[in-house]
Amino acid sequence: MQSIESEWASIYYKTPKARQGSAYRQLLEKATLLKKQHPKAAEPIFWEAVIKATSADTQSALSALSLVNEAKELLLEAININPNAMDGSAYVTLGTLYYMVPKWPIAFGDNDKAKELLETALEINPNGIDSNYYYGDFLLTQDRPKEAKKYFEHAANAPARPEQVFADSQLKTEAQKALDKIRKEETGKKLVASFSNASSIRY
């Protein structure tokens, strides 16, 4: 299982876009084989879903839509088998899909459902890097940066999991970048406000 995670992280974060499609296909074969070997385990199903969801970005619009729908069903299957597997990561990924994909009638995008799933992930793993990062990212899409800031701080400061050090380290970096951007925008707004107040003073 750990080798699949490592390969996925390497493809997602290191492999050039032009080569990702074929790399994902090869990794999907490994995940599918692992699922056949462990049909009652949630983890191989979760990784099959993740590979399909992330490989959608390398496909045409129609193929991408098919892949994210397949990923959704696999994640629901993994949750049904063991909702706490991998610290609730299936809830994180499914919640992320719900706020990232287009809404009906194109796809199944639904912000309310995304919020529900991501909050469930936080209940299972309140100190997780992925659960905090993606809830923060979701809040940003809802134009709620002040609330998002807290979750990015949690993600940036949480320890990486030994079995997912590389992927977690990358996500911690992304959390810090998001946090820095929010802080920079907050500073900019304060400066604008102070200039505005100064210009309104009557001498």
N, C-alpha and C. Protein backbone atom coordinates (compact mmCIF):
# COMPACT_ATOMS: atom_id res chain seq x y z
N MET A 1 0.83 -1.21 0.00
CA MET A 1 0.00 0.00 0.00
C MET A 1 0.86 1.26 0.00
N GLN A 2 1.92 1.22 0.79
CA GLN A 2 2.78 2.40 0.89
C GLN A 2 3.49 2.69 -0.43
N SER A 3 3.81 1.63 -1.18
CA SER A 3 4.49 1.84 -2.46
C SER A 3 3.56 2.55 -3.45
N ILE A 4 2.27 2.22 -3.40
CA ILE A 4 1.31 2.89 -4.28
C ILE A 4 1.21 4.36 -3.91
N GLU A 5 1.15 4.64 -2.60
CA GLU A 5 1.09 6.04 -2.14
C GLU A 5 2.31 6.80 -2.61
N SER A 6 3.49 6.18 -2.48
CA SER A 6 4.74 6.85 -2.87
C SER A 6 4.78 7.12 -4.37
N GLU A 7 4.34 6.12 -5.15
CA GLU A 7 4.34 6.30 -6.60
C GLU A 7 3.35 7.38 -7.01
N TRP A 8 2.16 7.36 -6.36
CA TRP A 8 1.15 8.37 -6.69
C TRP A 8 1.70 9.78 -6.39
N ALA A 9 2.31 9.95 -5.23
CA ALA A 9 2.84 11.26 -4.84
C ALA A 9 3.91 11.72 -5.82
N SER A 10 4.75 10.78 -6.27
CA SER A 10 5.81 11.10 -7.22
C SER A 10 5.22 11.57 -8.55
N ILE A 11 4.18 10.87 -9.01
CA ILE A 11 3.52 11.26 -10.27
C ILE A 11 2.85 12.64 -10.11
N TYR A 12 2.11 12.79 -9.03
CA TYR A 12 1.31 14.01 -8.83
C TYR A 12 2.18 15.25 -8.65
N TYR A 13 3.26 15.11 -7.89
CA TYR A 13 4.08 16.27 -7.55
C TYR A 13 5.35 16.44 -8.40
N LYS A 14 5.84 15.36 -9.00
CA LYS A 14 7.15 15.44 -9.67
C LYS A 14 7.11 15.20 -11.17
N THR A 15 6.18 14.36 -11.64
CA THR A 15 6.18 13.97 -13.05
C THR A 15 5.60 15.07 -13.94
N PRO A 16 6.28 15.39 -15.06
CA PRO A 16 5.75 16.40 -15.99
C PRO A 16 4.36 16.01 -16.48
N LYS A 17 3.52 16.99 -16.69
CA LYS A 17 2.12 16.75 -17.07
C LYS A 17 1.99 15.83 -18.28
N ALA A 18 2.86 16.02 -19.25
CA ALA A 18 2.77 15.23 -20.48
C ALA A 18 2.96 13.74 -20.24
N ARG A 19 3.63 13.38 -19.15
CA ARG A 19 3.91 11.97 -18.87
C ARG A 19 3.02 11.39 -17.78
N GLN A 20 2.17 12.22 -17.20
CA GLN A 20 1.36 11.75 -16.08
C GLN A 20 0.31 10.72 -16.48
N GLY A 21 -0.29 10.89 -17.65
CA GLY A 21 -1.37 9.99 -18.09
C GLY A 21 -0.94 8.53 -18.10
N SER A 22 0.17 8.25 -18.76
CA SER A 22 0.65 6.87 -18.85
C SER A 22 1.11 6.36 -17.48
N ALA A 23 1.70 7.24 -16.68
CA ALA A 23 2.16 6.84 -15.34
C ALA A 23 0.97 6.47 -14.45
N TYR A 24 -0.10 7.25 -14.55
CA TYR A 24 -1.31 6.94 -13.77
C TYR A 24 -1.93 5.61 -14.21
N ARG A 25 -1.91 5.36 -15.51
CA ARG A 25 -2.49 4.10 -16.01
C ARG A 25 -1.75 2.89 -15.47
N GLN A 26 -0.43 2.97 -15.44
CA GLN A 26 0.37 1.86 -14.90
C GLN A 26 0.12 1.67 -13.41
N LEU A 27 0.00 2.78 -12.70
CA LEU A 27 -0.25 2.70 -11.25
C LEU A 27 -1.65 2.17 -10.97
N LEU A 28 -2.60 2.53 -11.82
CA LEU A 28 -3.97 2.05 -11.65
C LEU A 28 -4.04 0.53 -11.76
N GLU A 29 -3.23 -0.05 -12.65
CA GLU A 29 -3.18 -1.50 -12.80
C GLU A 29 -2.72 -2.16 -11.49
N LYS A 30 -1.73 -1.54 -10.84
CA LYS A 30 -1.23 -2.07 -9.55
C LYS A 30 -2.31 -1.98 -8.47
N ALA A 31 -3.01 -0.83 -8.43
CA ALA A 31 -4.05 -0.63 -7.42
C ALA A 31 -5.21 -1.59 -7.63
N THR A 32 -5.58 -1.82 -8.89
CA THR A 32 -6.67 -2.75 -9.21
C THR A 32 -6.30 -4.17 -8.81
N LEU A 33 -5.06 -4.56 -9.06
CA LEU A 33 -4.58 -5.89 -8.65
C LEU A 33 -4.61 -6.03 -7.13
N LEU A 34 -4.18 -4.99 -6.45
CA LEU A 34 -4.18 -5.01 -4.98
C LEU A 34 -5.60 -5.14 -4.44
N LYS A 35 -6.53 -4.47 -5.10
CA LYS A 35 -7.94 -4.55 -4.68
C LYS A 35 -8.48 -5.97 -4.84
N LYS A 36 -8.08 -6.64 -5.91
CA LYS A 36 -8.51 -8.02 -6.13
C LYS A 36 -7.94 -8.95 -5.07
N GLN A 37 -6.72 -8.65 -4.64
CA GLN A 37 -6.07 -9.47 -3.61
C GLN A 37 -6.66 -9.23 -2.22
N HIS A 38 -7.20 -8.02 -2.01
CA HIS A 38 -7.78 -7.67 -0.70
C HIS A 38 -9.16 -7.05 -0.91
N PRO A 39 -10.14 -7.85 -1.37
CA PRO A 39 -11.46 -7.31 -1.74
C PRO A 39 -12.26 -6.69 -0.59
N LYS A 40 -11.92 -7.03 0.63
CA LYS A 40 -12.68 -6.51 1.77
C LYS A 40 -11.97 -5.37 2.49
N ALA A 41 -10.88 -4.89 1.90
CA ALA A 41 -10.13 -3.79 2.51
C ALA A 41 -10.49 -2.47 1.83
N ALA A 42 -10.65 -1.42 2.61
CA ALA A 42 -11.02 -0.11 2.07
C ALA A 42 -9.85 0.60 1.40
N GLU A 43 -8.63 0.35 1.90
CA GLU A 43 -7.47 1.12 1.44
C GLU A 43 -7.18 0.97 -0.06
N PRO A 44 -7.16 -0.24 -0.64
CA PRO A 44 -6.90 -0.35 -2.09
C PRO A 44 -7.98 0.36 -2.92
N ILE A 45 -9.22 0.29 -2.43
CA ILE A 45 -10.33 0.96 -3.14
C ILE A 45 -10.13 2.47 -3.10
N PHE A 46 -9.69 2.96 -1.93
CA PHE A 46 -9.43 4.39 -1.79
C PHE A 46 -8.36 4.83 -2.79
N TRP A 47 -7.27 4.07 -2.89
CA TRP A 47 -6.20 4.48 -3.78
C TRP A 47 -6.60 4.37 -5.25
N GLU A 48 -7.42 3.40 -5.57
CA GLU A 48 -7.93 3.31 -6.95
C GLU A 48 -8.74 4.58 -7.27
N ALA A 49 -9.53 5.03 -6.30
CA ALA A 49 -10.33 6.24 -6.49
C ALA A 49 -9.45 7.47 -6.65
N VAL A 50 -8.43 7.59 -5.81
CA VAL A 50 -7.53 8.75 -5.87
C VAL A 50 -6.81 8.81 -7.22
N ILE A 51 -6.34 7.66 -7.68
CA ILE A 51 -5.62 7.62 -8.97
C ILE A 51 -6.56 8.04 -10.11
N LYS A 52 -7.78 7.55 -10.08
CA LYS A 52 -8.74 7.92 -11.13
C LYS A 52 -9.08 9.40 -11.06
N ALA A 53 -9.29 9.89 -9.86
CA ALA A 53 -9.67 11.31 -9.71
C ALA A 53 -8.56 12.25 -10.17
N THR A 54 -7.32 11.95 -9.79
CA THR A 54 -6.23 12.85 -10.17
C THR A 54 -5.83 12.68 -11.64
N SER A 55 -6.01 11.49 -12.19
CA SER A 55 -5.69 11.29 -13.60
C SER A 55 -6.70 11.97 -14.51
N ALA A 56 -7.87 12.32 -13.96
CA ALA A 56 -8.90 13.01 -14.76
C ALA A 56 -8.36 14.30 -15.36
N ASP A 57 -7.41 14.91 -14.65
CA ASP A 57 -6.84 16.17 -15.10
C ASP A 57 -6.01 16.03 -16.37
N THR A 58 -5.68 14.78 -16.73
CA THR A 58 -4.87 14.54 -17.93
C THR A 58 -5.73 14.08 -19.10
N GLN A 59 -7.05 14.03 -18.90
CA GLN A 59 -7.96 13.48 -19.91
C GLN A 59 -8.82 14.57 -20.57
N SER A 60 -9.52 14.18 -21.60
CA SER A 60 -10.49 15.08 -22.23
C SER A 60 -11.63 15.31 -21.25
N ALA A 61 -12.45 16.31 -21.49
CA ALA A 61 -13.54 16.67 -20.57
C ALA A 61 -14.48 15.49 -20.33
N LEU A 62 -14.84 14.77 -21.40
CA LEU A 62 -15.78 13.66 -21.27
C LEU A 62 -15.17 12.51 -20.48
N SER A 63 -13.92 12.17 -20.78
CA SER A 63 -13.24 11.10 -20.06
C SER A 63 -13.01 11.49 -18.59
N ALA A 64 -12.69 12.75 -18.36
CA ALA A 64 -12.47 13.24 -17.00
C ALA A 64 -13.73 13.11 -16.17
N LEU A 65 -14.86 13.46 -16.77
CA LEU A 65 -16.14 13.37 -16.06
C LEU A 65 -16.45 11.92 -15.69
N SER A 66 -16.17 11.00 -16.59
CA SER A 66 -16.38 9.58 -16.32
C SER A 66 -15.49 9.10 -15.18
N LEU A 67 -14.24 9.54 -15.17
CA LEU A 67 -13.29 9.13 -14.13
C LEU A 67 -13.69 9.65 -12.75
N VAL A 68 -14.13 10.91 -12.66
CA VAL A 68 -14.50 11.45 -11.35
C VAL A 68 -15.77 10.78 -10.83
N ASN A 69 -16.67 10.39 -11.74
CA ASN A 69 -17.86 9.65 -11.31
C ASN A 69 -17.48 8.26 -10.78
N GLU A 70 -16.54 7.62 -11.46
CA GLU A 70 -16.06 6.31 -10.99
C GLU A 70 -15.36 6.46 -9.64
N ALA A 71 -14.57 7.53 -9.50
CA ALA A 71 -13.88 7.78 -8.24
C ALA A 71 -14.87 7.99 -7.10
N LYS A 72 -15.92 8.72 -7.38
CA LYS A 72 -16.96 8.97 -6.37
C LYS A 72 -17.55 7.65 -5.87
N GLU A 73 -17.91 6.76 -6.79
CA GLU A 73 -18.51 5.48 -6.39
C GLU A 73 -17.52 4.62 -5.60
N LEU A 74 -16.27 4.65 -5.99
CA LEU A 74 -15.25 3.88 -5.26
C LEU A 74 -15.06 4.42 -3.85
N LEU A 75 -15.08 5.73 -3.70
CA LEU A 75 -14.92 6.34 -2.37
C LEU A 75 -16.10 5.99 -1.47
N LEU A 76 -17.29 5.99 -2.03
CA LEU A 76 -18.48 5.59 -1.26
C LEU A 76 -18.36 4.13 -0.83
N GLU A 77 -17.82 3.30 -1.71
CA GLU A 77 -17.60 1.89 -1.40
C GLU A 77 -16.59 1.74 -0.25
N ALA A 78 -15.50 2.52 -0.33
CA ALA A 78 -14.48 2.46 0.72
C ALA A 78 -15.04 2.90 2.06
N ILE A 79 -15.85 3.96 2.04
CA ILE A 79 -16.47 4.46 3.28
C ILE A 79 -17.41 3.42 3.86
N ASN A 80 -18.14 2.74 2.99
CA ASN A 80 -19.08 1.72 3.43
C ASN A 80 -18.35 0.55 4.11
N ILE A 81 -17.16 0.22 3.61
CA ILE A 81 -16.37 -0.88 4.19
C ILE A 81 -15.76 -0.45 5.53
N ASN A 82 -15.12 0.71 5.52
CA ASN A 82 -14.47 1.19 6.75
C ASN A 82 -14.33 2.71 6.70
N PRO A 83 -15.26 3.45 7.28
CA PRO A 83 -15.21 4.92 7.21
C PRO A 83 -13.99 5.53 7.87
N ASN A 84 -13.37 4.80 8.81
CA ASN A 84 -12.20 5.33 9.52
C ASN A 84 -10.86 4.95 8.89
N ALA A 85 -10.91 4.22 7.78
CA ALA A 85 -9.66 3.79 7.13
C ALA A 85 -8.82 4.99 6.76
N MET A 86 -7.52 4.88 7.02
CA MET A 86 -6.58 5.95 6.69
C MET A 86 -7.03 7.29 7.28
N ASP A 87 -7.53 7.21 8.50
CA ASP A 87 -7.95 8.41 9.25
C ASP A 87 -9.02 9.22 8.52
N GLY A 88 -9.93 8.51 7.86
CA GLY A 88 -11.05 9.20 7.20
C GLY A 88 -10.69 9.87 5.89
N SER A 89 -9.60 9.45 5.26
CA SER A 89 -9.15 10.10 4.02
C SER A 89 -10.16 10.02 2.89
N ALA A 90 -10.98 8.96 2.87
CA ALA A 90 -12.00 8.85 1.81
C ALA A 90 -13.00 10.00 1.89
N TYR A 91 -13.33 10.42 3.11
CA TYR A 91 -14.23 11.56 3.29
C TYR A 91 -13.59 12.84 2.76
N VAL A 92 -12.29 12.99 3.00
CA VAL A 92 -11.58 14.18 2.51
C VAL A 92 -11.62 14.23 0.99
N THR A 93 -11.26 13.13 0.36
CA THR A 93 -11.19 13.10 -1.11
C THR A 93 -12.57 13.27 -1.72
N LEU A 94 -13.57 12.61 -1.15
CA LEU A 94 -14.92 12.73 -1.69
C LEU A 94 -15.45 14.16 -1.50
N GLY A 95 -15.21 14.73 -0.34
CA GLY A 95 -15.62 16.11 -0.09
C GLY A 95 -14.95 17.07 -1.06
N THR A 96 -13.68 16.82 -1.34
CA THR A 96 -12.94 17.66 -2.27
C THR A 96 -13.53 17.58 -3.68
N LEU A 97 -13.89 16.37 -4.10
CA LEU A 97 -14.52 16.22 -5.41
C LEU A 97 -15.82 17.01 -5.48
N TYR A 98 -16.61 16.98 -4.40
CA TYR A 98 -17.90 17.65 -4.41
C TYR A 98 -17.79 19.17 -4.58
N TYR A 99 -16.70 19.78 -4.09
CA TYR A 99 -16.61 21.22 -4.30
C TYR A 99 -15.76 21.61 -5.52
N MET A 100 -15.03 20.63 -6.07
CA MET A 100 -14.18 20.95 -7.22
C MET A 100 -14.85 20.67 -8.57
N VAL A 101 -15.70 19.64 -8.62
CA VAL A 101 -16.31 19.30 -9.92
C VAL A 101 -17.49 20.24 -10.20
N PRO A 102 -17.87 20.38 -11.47
CA PRO A 102 -19.02 21.24 -11.80
C PRO A 102 -20.32 20.72 -11.17
N LYS A 103 -21.26 21.63 -11.00
CA LYS A 103 -22.56 21.26 -10.43
C LYS A 103 -23.45 20.62 -11.49
N TRP A 104 -24.59 20.08 -11.02
CA TRP A 104 -25.59 19.52 -11.93
C TRP A 104 -26.07 20.62 -12.87
N PRO A 105 -26.30 20.34 -14.17
CA PRO A 105 -26.44 19.02 -14.80
C PRO A 105 -25.14 18.45 -15.38
N ILE A 106 -24.03 19.18 -15.23
CA ILE A 106 -22.77 18.68 -15.80
C ILE A 106 -22.20 17.54 -14.96
N ALA A 107 -22.13 17.77 -13.65
CA ALA A 107 -21.58 16.75 -12.75
C ALA A 107 -22.32 16.82 -11.41
N PHE A 108 -21.69 16.32 -10.35
CA PHE A 108 -22.39 16.19 -9.07
C PHE A 108 -21.95 17.23 -8.03
N GLY A 109 -21.27 18.28 -8.47
CA GLY A 109 -20.78 19.30 -7.55
C GLY A 109 -21.87 19.83 -6.61
N ASP A 110 -21.52 19.94 -5.33
CA ASP A 110 -22.51 20.35 -4.32
C ASP A 110 -21.74 20.85 -3.09
N ASN A 111 -21.75 22.15 -2.86
CA ASN A 111 -20.99 22.72 -1.74
C ASN A 111 -21.49 22.28 -0.38
N ASP A 112 -22.80 22.12 -0.25
CA ASP A 112 -23.35 21.67 1.04
C ASP A 112 -22.87 20.26 1.36
N LYS A 113 -22.87 19.40 0.35
CA LYS A 113 -22.41 18.02 0.55
C LYS A 113 -20.91 18.01 0.83
N ALA A 114 -20.16 18.87 0.14
CA ALA A 114 -18.72 18.96 0.37
C ALA A 114 -18.45 19.35 1.82
N LYS A 115 -19.16 20.33 2.32
CA LYS A 115 -18.99 20.80 3.69
C LYS A 115 -19.26 19.67 4.69
N GLU A 116 -20.34 18.95 4.45
CA GLU A 116 -20.72 17.83 5.34
C GLU A 116 -19.63 16.76 5.37
N LEU A 117 -19.12 16.39 4.22
CA LEU A 117 -18.10 15.33 4.14
C LEU A 117 -16.78 15.77 4.76
N LEU A 118 -16.37 17.00 4.47
CA LEU A 118 -15.10 17.51 5.00
C LEU A 118 -15.17 17.69 6.52
N GLU A 119 -16.32 18.07 7.02
CA GLU A 119 -16.47 18.21 8.47
C GLU A 119 -16.47 16.83 9.15
N THR A 120 -17.01 15.83 8.45
CA THR A 120 -16.94 14.46 8.97
C THR A 120 -15.48 14.00 9.05
N ALA A 121 -14.71 14.33 8.03
CA ALA A 121 -13.28 13.99 8.02
C ALA A 121 -12.56 14.64 9.18
N LEU A 122 -12.92 15.88 9.49
CA LEU A 122 -12.30 16.58 10.62
C LEU A 122 -12.69 15.97 11.96
N GLU A 123 -13.91 15.46 12.04
CA GLU A 123 -14.34 14.78 13.27
C GLU A 123 -13.52 13.51 13.49
N ILE A 124 -13.25 12.79 12.40
CA ILE A 124 -12.46 11.56 12.49
C ILE A 124 -10.99 11.88 12.78
N ASN A 125 -10.48 12.89 12.12
CA ASN A 125 -9.05 13.22 12.24
C ASN A 125 -8.87 14.74 12.36
N PRO A 126 -9.15 15.30 13.54
CA PRO A 126 -9.10 16.77 13.72
C PRO A 126 -7.72 17.37 13.53
N ASN A 127 -6.67 16.58 13.65
CA ASN A 127 -5.31 17.11 13.51
C ASN A 127 -4.64 16.68 12.21
N GLY A 128 -5.41 16.13 11.30
CA GLY A 128 -4.83 15.64 10.04
C GLY A 128 -4.41 16.77 9.11
N ILE A 129 -3.37 16.52 8.35
CA ILE A 129 -2.90 17.51 7.38
C ILE A 129 -3.91 17.66 6.26
N ASP A 130 -4.35 16.53 5.68
CA ASP A 130 -5.26 16.62 4.54
C ASP A 130 -6.65 17.11 4.95
N SER A 131 -7.15 16.64 6.10
CA SER A 131 -8.49 17.07 6.53
C SER A 131 -8.54 18.57 6.79
N ASN A 132 -7.48 19.11 7.37
CA ASN A 132 -7.43 20.55 7.64
C ASN A 132 -7.15 21.37 6.38
N TYR A 133 -6.21 20.89 5.57
CA TYR A 133 -5.87 21.65 4.36
C TYR A 133 -7.09 21.78 3.44
N TYR A 134 -7.75 20.67 3.16
CA TYR A 134 -8.83 20.73 2.19
C TYR A 134 -10.08 21.43 2.72
N TYR A 135 -10.29 21.39 4.04
CA TYR A 135 -11.39 22.18 4.57
C TYR A 135 -11.06 23.67 4.46
N GLY A 136 -9.80 24.03 4.71
CA GLY A 136 -9.37 25.40 4.52
C GLY A 136 -9.53 25.84 3.08
N ASP A 137 -9.14 24.96 2.14
CA ASP A 137 -9.26 25.27 0.72
C ASP A 137 -10.72 25.45 0.33
N PHE A 138 -11.58 24.60 0.88
CA PHE A 138 -13.02 24.72 0.61
C PHE A 138 -13.54 26.07 1.10
N LEU A 139 -13.13 26.46 2.31
CA LEU A 139 -13.58 27.75 2.86
C LEU A 139 -13.12 28.92 1.99
N LEU A 140 -11.94 28.80 1.38
CA LEU A 140 -11.47 29.84 0.47
C LEU A 140 -12.39 29.97 -0.74
N THR A 141 -12.86 28.82 -1.24
CA THR A 141 -13.77 28.88 -2.40
C THR A 141 -15.09 29.51 -2.02
N GLN A 142 -15.39 29.54 -0.74
CA GLN A 142 -16.63 30.17 -0.24
C GLN A 142 -16.37 31.61 0.22
N ASP A 143 -15.18 32.13 -0.10
CA ASP A 143 -14.78 33.49 0.27
C ASP A 143 -14.81 33.70 1.78
N ARG A 144 -14.22 32.73 2.49
CA ARG A 144 -14.15 32.81 3.96
C ARG A 144 -12.70 32.63 4.42
N PRO A 145 -11.81 33.55 4.00
CA PRO A 145 -10.38 33.39 4.29
C PRO A 145 -10.03 33.43 5.77
N LYS A 146 -10.75 34.23 6.56
CA LYS A 146 -10.44 34.31 7.99
C LYS A 146 -10.64 32.96 8.67
N GLU A 147 -11.71 32.26 8.29
CA GLU A 147 -11.96 30.93 8.85
C GLU A 147 -10.97 29.91 8.29
N ALA A 148 -10.65 30.05 7.01
CA ALA A 148 -9.72 29.12 6.36
C ALA A 148 -8.34 29.17 7.01
N LYS A 149 -7.96 30.34 7.46
CA LYS A 149 -6.63 30.56 8.03
C LYS A 149 -6.33 29.57 9.16
N LYS A 150 -7.30 29.34 10.02
CA LYS A 150 -7.12 28.44 11.16
C LYS A 150 -6.79 27.02 10.70
N TYR A 151 -7.47 26.57 9.66
CA TYR A 151 -7.27 25.20 9.18
C TYR A 151 -5.94 25.05 8.45
N PHE A 152 -5.54 26.09 7.72
CA PHE A 152 -4.23 26.04 7.07
C PHE A 152 -3.11 26.03 8.12
N GLU A 153 -3.32 26.76 9.21
CA GLU A 153 -2.32 26.75 10.29
C GLU A 153 -2.19 25.36 10.89
N HIS A 154 -3.31 24.69 11.11
CA HIS A 154 -3.29 23.31 11.63
C HIS A 154 -2.54 22.40 10.67
N ALA A 155 -2.85 22.52 9.38
CA ALA A 155 -2.22 21.65 8.38
C ALA A 155 -0.71 21.91 8.29
N ALA A 156 -0.33 23.18 8.32
CA ALA A 156 1.09 23.52 8.19
C ALA A 156 1.91 23.04 9.38
N ASN A 157 1.27 22.97 10.54
CA ASN A 157 2.00 22.61 11.77
C ASN A 157 1.85 21.15 12.18
N ALA A 158 0.97 20.41 11.51
CA ALA A 158 0.75 19.01 11.87
C ALA A 158 1.94 18.14 11.43
N PRO A 159 2.25 17.09 12.18
CA PRO A 159 3.36 16.20 11.79
C PRO A 159 2.97 15.33 10.60
N ALA A 160 3.92 15.10 9.71
CA ALA A 160 3.68 14.22 8.57
C ALA A 160 3.58 12.78 9.04
N ARG A 161 2.70 12.01 8.40
CA ARG A 161 2.55 10.60 8.75
C ARG A 161 3.73 9.80 8.21
N PRO A 162 4.29 8.88 9.01
CA PRO A 162 5.45 8.10 8.56
C PRO A 162 5.22 7.37 7.24
N GLU A 163 3.98 6.90 7.03
CA GLU A 163 3.70 6.14 5.81
C GLU A 163 3.39 7.04 4.62
N GLN A 164 3.25 8.35 4.85
CA GLN A 164 2.96 9.27 3.74
C GLN A 164 3.78 10.55 3.87
N VAL A 165 5.04 10.38 4.20
CA VAL A 165 5.89 11.55 4.47
C VAL A 165 5.98 12.50 3.28
N PHE A 166 6.21 11.96 2.09
CA PHE A 166 6.41 12.83 0.93
C PHE A 166 5.14 13.63 0.60
N ALA A 167 4.01 12.93 0.47
CA ALA A 167 2.76 13.60 0.13
C ALA A 167 2.35 14.60 1.20
N ASP A 168 2.50 14.20 2.46
CA ASP A 168 2.14 15.10 3.57
C ASP A 168 3.04 16.34 3.58
N SER A 169 4.32 16.16 3.31
CA SER A 169 5.25 17.29 3.29
C SER A 169 4.88 18.28 2.19
N GLN A 170 4.48 17.74 1.04
CA GLN A 170 4.05 18.61 -0.06
C GLN A 170 2.81 19.41 0.33
N LEU A 171 1.87 18.73 0.99
CA LEU A 171 0.62 19.39 1.38
C LEU A 171 0.86 20.43 2.47
N LYS A 172 1.80 20.15 3.36
CA LYS A 172 2.16 21.12 4.40
C LYS A 172 2.73 22.39 3.74
N THR A 173 3.52 22.20 2.69
CA THR A 173 4.07 23.34 1.95
C THR A 173 2.95 24.15 1.31
N GLU A 174 1.97 23.45 0.71
CA GLU A 174 0.84 24.14 0.09
C GLU A 174 0.03 24.91 1.14
N ALA A 175 -0.12 24.32 2.32
CA ALA A 175 -0.85 24.98 3.41
C ALA A 175 -0.14 26.26 3.83
N GLN A 176 1.18 26.19 3.91
CA GLN A 176 1.96 27.38 4.29
C GLN A 176 1.85 28.47 3.24
N LYS A 177 1.86 28.09 1.96
CA LYS A 177 1.70 29.06 0.89
C LYS A 177 0.34 29.75 0.97
N ALA A 178 -0.71 28.96 1.22
CA ALA A 178 -2.06 29.52 1.35
C ALA A 178 -2.14 30.47 2.53
N LEU A 179 -1.50 30.07 3.61
CA LEU A 179 -1.48 30.87 4.84
C LEU A 179 -0.75 32.20 4.59
N ASP A 180 0.39 32.13 3.91
CA ASP A 180 1.16 33.34 3.61
C ASP A 180 0.34 34.29 2.72
N LYS A 181 -0.39 33.72 1.76
CA LYS A 181 -1.20 34.55 0.86
C LYS A 181 -2.32 35.25 1.62
N ILE A 182 -2.98 34.52 2.53
CA ILE A 182 -4.05 35.12 3.33
C ILE A 182 -3.50 36.25 4.20
N ARG A 183 -2.37 35.99 4.83
CA ARG A 183 -1.75 37.02 5.69
C ARG A 183 -1.35 38.25 4.89
N LYS A 184 -0.82 38.03 3.69
CA LYS A 184 -0.42 39.14 2.83
C LYS A 184 -1.63 39.98 2.44
N GLU A 185 -2.73 39.29 2.10
CA GLU A 185 -3.96 40.01 1.73
C GLU A 185 -4.54 40.76 2.92
N GLU A 186 -4.45 40.17 4.12
CA GLU A 186 -4.91 40.85 5.33
C GLU A 186 -4.11 42.12 5.58
N THR A 187 -2.79 42.03 5.41
CA THR A 187 -1.91 43.19 5.60
C THR A 187 -2.24 44.29 4.59
N GLY A 188 -2.49 43.86 3.33
CA GLY A 188 -2.85 44.82 2.29
C GLY A 188 -4.14 45.55 2.61
N LYS A 189 -5.13 44.83 3.12
CA LYS A 189 -6.42 45.44 3.47
C LYS A 189 -6.27 46.43 4.63
N LYS A 190 -5.40 46.07 5.58
CA LYS A 190 -5.17 46.96 6.71
C LYS A 190 -4.50 48.27 6.26
N LEU A 191 -3.56 48.16 5.31
CA LEU A 191 -2.89 49.34 4.79
C LEU A 191 -3.86 50.24 4.04
N VAL A 192 -4.71 49.60 3.23
CA VAL A 192 -5.72 50.36 2.48
C VAL A 192 -6.66 51.08 3.44
N ALA A 193 -7.06 50.37 4.49
CA ALA A 193 -7.97 50.96 5.49
C ALA A 193 -7.31 52.13 6.21
N SER A 194 -6.03 51.98 6.54
CA SER A 194 -5.34 53.06 7.26
C SER A 194 -5.17 54.28 6.38
N PHE A 195 -4.87 54.08 5.08
CA PHE A 195 -4.75 55.21 4.15
C PHE A 195 -6.10 55.89 3.96
N SER A 196 -7.14 55.05 3.91
CA SER A 196 -8.49 55.59 3.73
C SER A 196 -8.89 56.45 4.94
N ASN A 197 -8.56 55.97 6.12
CA ASN A 197 -8.89 56.71 7.34
C ASN A 197 -8.09 58.02 7.41
N ALA A 198 -6.82 57.95 7.00
CA ALA A 198 -5.97 59.14 7.03
C ALA A 198 -6.48 60.20 6.06
N SER A 199 -6.94 59.76 4.89
CA SER A 199 -7.41 60.72 3.88
C SER A 199 -8.73 61.38 4.26
N SER A 200 -9.44 60.74 5.19
CA SER A 200 -10.73 61.31 5.59
C SER A 200 -10.60 62.34 6.71
N ILE A 201 -9.40 62.48 7.26
CA ILE A 201 -9.18 63.45 8.33
C ILE A 201 -9.25 64.87 7.79
N ARG A 202 -9.97 65.74 8.47
CA ARG A 202 -10.10 67.13 8.06
C ARG A 202 -9.17 67.99 8.90
N TYR A 203 -8.38 68.78 8.21
CA TYR A 203 -7.44 69.67 8.92
C TYR A 203 -7.98 71.09 8.93
